[in-house]
Amino acid sequence: MTSWKSQRRIWDISQTLRPGLPVWPGDTNFSFERTWRMEDGSPVNVGRMTMSTHSGTHADAPLHYAADGADAASLEFDPYIGECLVIDARNVTGDIDVGDLPDLESADRVLFRTFESFPHGEWREDFKAIEADAIRWMAVQGVKLIGTDAPSVDPQNSKTMDAHKAILAEDMRILEGLVLDDVPAGRYELIALPLKIAGGDAGLCRAILRELT
């Protein structure tokens, strides 16, 4: 029998869903309430949540940025499970461009840490986005998923959504709102399955990294 102490280390890179969770300006705030309570005589506790599909850590579905794109229920598993490369981009000035990218070491999935400390308690408008040229360059290298601790791969005030359009053109996938504070740069196994939501423009994820054997 394998001891739990010998199992591979796991990093939880998901935000905690809770009231007060920072959300995109104008989007739906997260709320939670108990609808059935044991203290009121119910045999069980049951809660109700109201939230955006983009609350916390989530995977954008193509439907989010293409009217005829696939919904969250149609997302295939493969991009969200497998070896990935975590890149420390905290020292990048401005948005991440091709010149800021290191050797990707044939990585299929790339995650960017941009925050010195993830802003759990506030919305930050000055997050680092990813230039469309960098996305196209990563696609040429074989990358099929791009993840970031920022809330979007495009700047907050973008109207053209160039990064999302580049990802759509390259048939790549997106993870946003990751928490990478405690994760050293390097290679890991990523597991981040989006919720199967019919008609969903995004799927919330419980995302983890696991050390490689």
Protein backbone atom coordinates (compact mmCIF):
# COMPACT_ATOMS: atom_id res chain seq x y z
CA MET A 1 0.00 0.00 0.00
CA THR A 2 1.28 3.50 -0.87
CA SER A 3 1.52 5.87 2.08
CA TRP A 4 -0.24 9.21 1.68
CA LYS A 5 3.07 10.82 2.71
CA SER A 6 4.68 9.51 -0.46
CA GLN A 7 2.01 10.87 -2.77
CA ARG A 8 2.80 13.70 -5.14
CA ARG A 9 2.40 17.22 -3.74
CA ILE A 10 -0.73 19.12 -4.80
CA TRP A 11 -1.20 22.89 -5.07
CA ASP A 12 -4.76 24.23 -5.00
CA ILE A 13 -4.72 27.12 -7.49
CA SER A 14 -8.43 27.99 -7.20
CA GLN A 15 -10.10 31.01 -5.65
CA THR A 16 -12.55 30.44 -2.80
CA LEU A 17 -16.10 31.31 -3.83
CA ARG A 18 -17.54 33.58 -1.13
CA PRO A 19 -19.55 36.76 -0.59
CA GLY A 20 -17.26 39.70 -1.32
CA LEU A 21 -15.42 37.86 -4.09
CA PRO A 22 -14.07 40.51 -6.50
CA VAL A 23 -15.86 40.30 -9.86
CA TRP A 24 -15.55 42.05 -13.21
CA PRO A 25 -17.07 45.55 -12.81
CA GLY A 26 -20.79 45.34 -13.55
CA ASP A 27 -20.94 41.55 -13.42
CA THR A 28 -23.02 39.53 -10.93
CA ASN A 29 -21.75 39.49 -7.35
CA PHE A 30 -21.39 36.13 -5.63
CA SER A 31 -23.98 35.42 -2.94
CA PHE A 32 -24.77 32.38 -0.81
CA GLU A 33 -27.63 31.68 1.56
CA ARG A 34 -29.03 28.72 3.48
CA THR A 35 -32.46 27.68 2.24
CA TRP A 36 -32.84 24.63 4.51
CA ARG A 37 -31.31 24.70 8.00
CA MET A 38 -30.76 21.93 10.49
CA GLU A 39 -31.23 24.41 13.33
CA ASP A 40 -34.72 25.09 11.95
CA GLY A 41 -35.65 21.40 12.02
CA SER A 42 -34.50 20.29 8.57
CA PRO A 43 -32.62 16.96 8.53
CA VAL A 44 -30.01 18.56 6.26
CA ASN A 45 -28.42 21.90 5.38
CA VAL A 46 -28.97 23.11 1.80
CA GLY A 47 -27.72 26.34 0.27
CA ARG A 48 -28.41 28.49 -2.77
CA MET A 49 -25.82 30.42 -4.78
CA THR A 50 -26.10 33.32 -7.21
CA MET A 51 -23.03 34.10 -9.28
CA SER A 52 -21.54 34.91 -12.66
CA THR A 53 -20.25 32.10 -14.84
CA HIS A 54 -16.94 33.99 -14.60
CA SER A 55 -16.77 34.01 -10.80
CA GLY A 56 -13.39 33.10 -9.38
CA THR A 57 -11.30 30.51 -11.21
CA HIS A 58 -12.94 29.54 -14.49
CA ALA A 59 -12.48 28.33 -18.05
CA ASP A 60 -13.80 30.56 -20.81
CA ALA A 61 -15.86 28.62 -23.34
CA PRO A 62 -15.58 29.75 -26.99
CA LEU A 63 -19.22 30.88 -26.67
CA HIS A 64 -17.93 33.70 -24.44
CA TYR A 65 -16.21 35.39 -27.38
CA ALA A 66 -17.88 33.82 -30.45
CA ALA A 67 -21.64 33.80 -31.01
CA ASP A 68 -21.48 30.32 -32.57
CA GLY A 69 -18.77 28.99 -30.23
CA ALA A 70 -18.96 25.83 -28.13
CA ASP A 71 -20.60 26.12 -24.72
CA ALA A 72 -19.12 24.96 -21.43
CA ALA A 73 -20.94 21.64 -21.62
CA SER A 74 -19.21 20.88 -24.93
CA LEU A 75 -15.64 21.52 -23.79
CA GLU A 76 -13.36 18.53 -24.30
CA PHE A 77 -11.28 17.26 -21.37
CA ASP A 78 -7.86 17.08 -22.98
CA PRO A 79 -6.72 20.72 -22.76
CA TYR A 80 -7.50 20.87 -19.05
CA ILE A 81 -5.61 17.76 -17.92
CA GLY A 82 -1.90 17.16 -18.44
CA GLU A 83 1.58 18.55 -18.14
CA CYS A 84 1.93 22.33 -18.01
CA LEU A 85 4.58 25.01 -17.58
CA VAL A 86 4.16 27.76 -14.97
CA ILE A 87 5.90 30.99 -16.03
CA ASP A 88 6.76 33.76 -13.56
CA ALA A 89 5.81 36.97 -15.40
CA ARG A 90 5.77 39.28 -12.39
CA ASN A 91 8.68 41.35 -13.73
CA VAL A 92 7.18 41.86 -17.19
CA THR A 93 6.51 45.53 -17.95
CA GLY A 94 3.13 46.07 -19.58
CA ASP A 95 1.28 43.22 -21.24
CA ILE A 96 3.03 39.92 -21.97
CA ASP A 97 4.47 39.79 -25.49
CA VAL A 98 6.61 37.36 -27.48
CA GLY A 99 9.85 38.82 -26.15
CA ASP A 100 8.77 38.11 -22.59
CA LEU A 101 8.33 34.39 -23.17
CA PRO A 102 11.00 31.90 -22.13
CA ASP A 103 11.72 28.59 -23.81
CA LEU A 104 8.43 26.72 -23.48
CA GLU A 105 10.18 23.34 -23.38
CA SER A 106 7.52 21.80 -25.65
CA ALA A 107 4.79 22.59 -23.11
CA ASP A 108 1.20 21.96 -24.26
CA ARG A 109 -0.23 24.16 -21.50
CA VAL A 110 1.21 27.43 -20.17
CA LEU A 111 0.16 29.25 -16.97
CA PHE A 112 1.29 32.80 -16.16
CA ARG A 113 1.83 34.21 -12.69
CA THR A 114 1.54 38.00 -12.95
CA PHE A 115 0.56 39.14 -9.44
CA GLU A 116 3.11 39.48 -6.65
CA SER A 117 0.26 38.53 -4.34
CA PHE A 118 -3.16 37.54 -5.66
CA PRO A 119 -5.74 40.27 -4.87
CA HIS A 120 -8.32 38.19 -3.00
CA GLY A 121 -9.95 41.23 -1.41
CA GLU A 122 -10.04 43.79 -4.22
CA TRP A 123 -10.57 44.20 -7.94
CA ARG A 124 -7.38 45.25 -9.77
CA GLU A 125 -7.80 47.10 -13.07
CA ASP A 126 -4.05 47.13 -13.78
CA PHE A 127 -3.68 43.39 -14.41
CA LYS A 128 -1.32 42.14 -17.12
CA ALA A 129 -2.99 40.93 -20.29
CA ILE A 130 -1.40 38.83 -23.04
CA GLU A 131 -0.66 40.23 -26.50
CA ALA A 132 -2.27 38.48 -29.45
CA ASP A 133 1.15 38.01 -31.09
CA ALA A 134 2.33 36.08 -28.02
CA ILE A 135 -0.73 33.85 -28.23
CA ARG A 136 -0.14 33.13 -31.91
CA TRP A 137 3.54 32.38 -31.19
CA MET A 138 2.59 29.95 -28.42
CA ALA A 139 0.12 28.26 -30.76
CA VAL A 140 2.93 27.67 -33.26
CA GLN A 141 4.89 26.01 -30.41
CA GLY A 142 2.00 23.61 -29.84
CA VAL A 143 0.37 25.25 -26.81
CA LYS A 144 -3.33 24.39 -26.55
CA LEU A 145 -4.24 26.06 -23.25
CA ILE A 146 -3.22 29.39 -21.73
CA GLY A 147 -3.89 30.13 -18.08
CA THR A 148 -3.39 33.29 -16.06
CA ASP A 149 -3.90 34.58 -12.54
CA ALA A 150 -5.37 37.72 -14.12
CA PRO A 151 -9.14 37.97 -14.70
CA SER A 152 -8.70 38.11 -18.48
CA VAL A 153 -6.18 37.60 -21.26
CA ASP A 154 -7.32 40.97 -22.68
CA PRO A 155 -7.05 44.34 -20.92
CA GLN A 156 -10.11 45.40 -18.93
CA ASN A 157 -11.04 48.21 -21.32
CA SER A 158 -10.43 46.30 -24.56
CA LYS A 159 -13.22 46.57 -27.12
CA THR A 160 -11.49 44.51 -29.82
CA MET A 161 -10.71 41.43 -27.67
CA ASP A 162 -7.59 40.71 -29.72
CA ALA A 163 -6.22 38.03 -27.38
CA HIS A 164 -9.52 36.17 -27.22
CA LYS A 165 -9.85 36.35 -31.01
CA ALA A 166 -6.33 34.95 -31.45
CA ILE A 167 -7.18 32.10 -29.08
CA LEU A 168 -10.38 31.43 -31.04
CA ALA A 169 -8.51 31.41 -34.36
CA GLU A 170 -5.96 28.95 -32.98
CA ASP A 171 -8.62 26.76 -31.28
CA MET A 172 -6.91 27.15 -27.91
CA ARG A 173 -8.51 27.18 -24.45
CA ILE A 174 -8.35 29.67 -21.57
CA LEU A 175 -8.15 29.48 -17.77
CA GLU A 176 -8.52 32.74 -15.84
CA GLY A 177 -8.40 33.77 -12.20
CA LEU A 178 -5.82 31.21 -11.09
CA VAL A 179 -4.01 31.62 -7.75
CA LEU A 180 -0.31 30.92 -8.27
CA ASP A 181 1.27 32.69 -5.28
CA ASP A 182 2.77 29.54 -3.76
CA VAL A 183 3.76 27.83 -7.01
CA PRO A 184 7.40 28.07 -8.14
CA ALA A 185 7.97 28.42 -11.87
CA GLY A 186 8.38 25.05 -13.55
CA ARG A 187 6.52 22.03 -14.85
CA TYR A 188 3.51 20.37 -13.21
CA GLU A 189 0.47 18.28 -13.98
CA LEU A 190 -2.62 20.47 -14.40
CA ILE A 191 -6.13 19.26 -13.55
CA ALA A 192 -8.83 21.92 -14.02
CA LEU A 193 -12.13 20.59 -15.33
CA PRO A 194 -14.84 23.18 -16.14
CA LEU A 195 -18.37 22.61 -14.90
CA LYS A 196 -20.64 21.07 -17.54
CA ILE A 197 -23.11 23.93 -18.03
CA ALA A 198 -25.45 23.75 -21.01
CA GLY A 199 -25.36 27.10 -22.77
CA GLY A 200 -22.61 28.26 -20.42
CA ASP A 201 -20.13 30.85 -21.66
CA ALA A 202 -17.70 29.69 -18.99
CA GLY A 203 -17.31 26.87 -16.51
CA LEU A 204 -16.13 27.31 -12.94
CA CYS A 205 -13.12 25.13 -12.07
CA ARG A 206 -11.52 23.58 -9.03
CA ALA A 207 -8.01 23.82 -10.45
CA ILE A 208 -5.00 22.03 -9.02
CA LEU A 209 -1.40 21.42 -9.91
CA ARG A 210 0.33 18.17 -9.00
CA GLU A 211 4.07 17.63 -8.92
CA LEU A 212 5.38 15.39 -11.66
CA THR A 213 6.85 11.99 -10.94
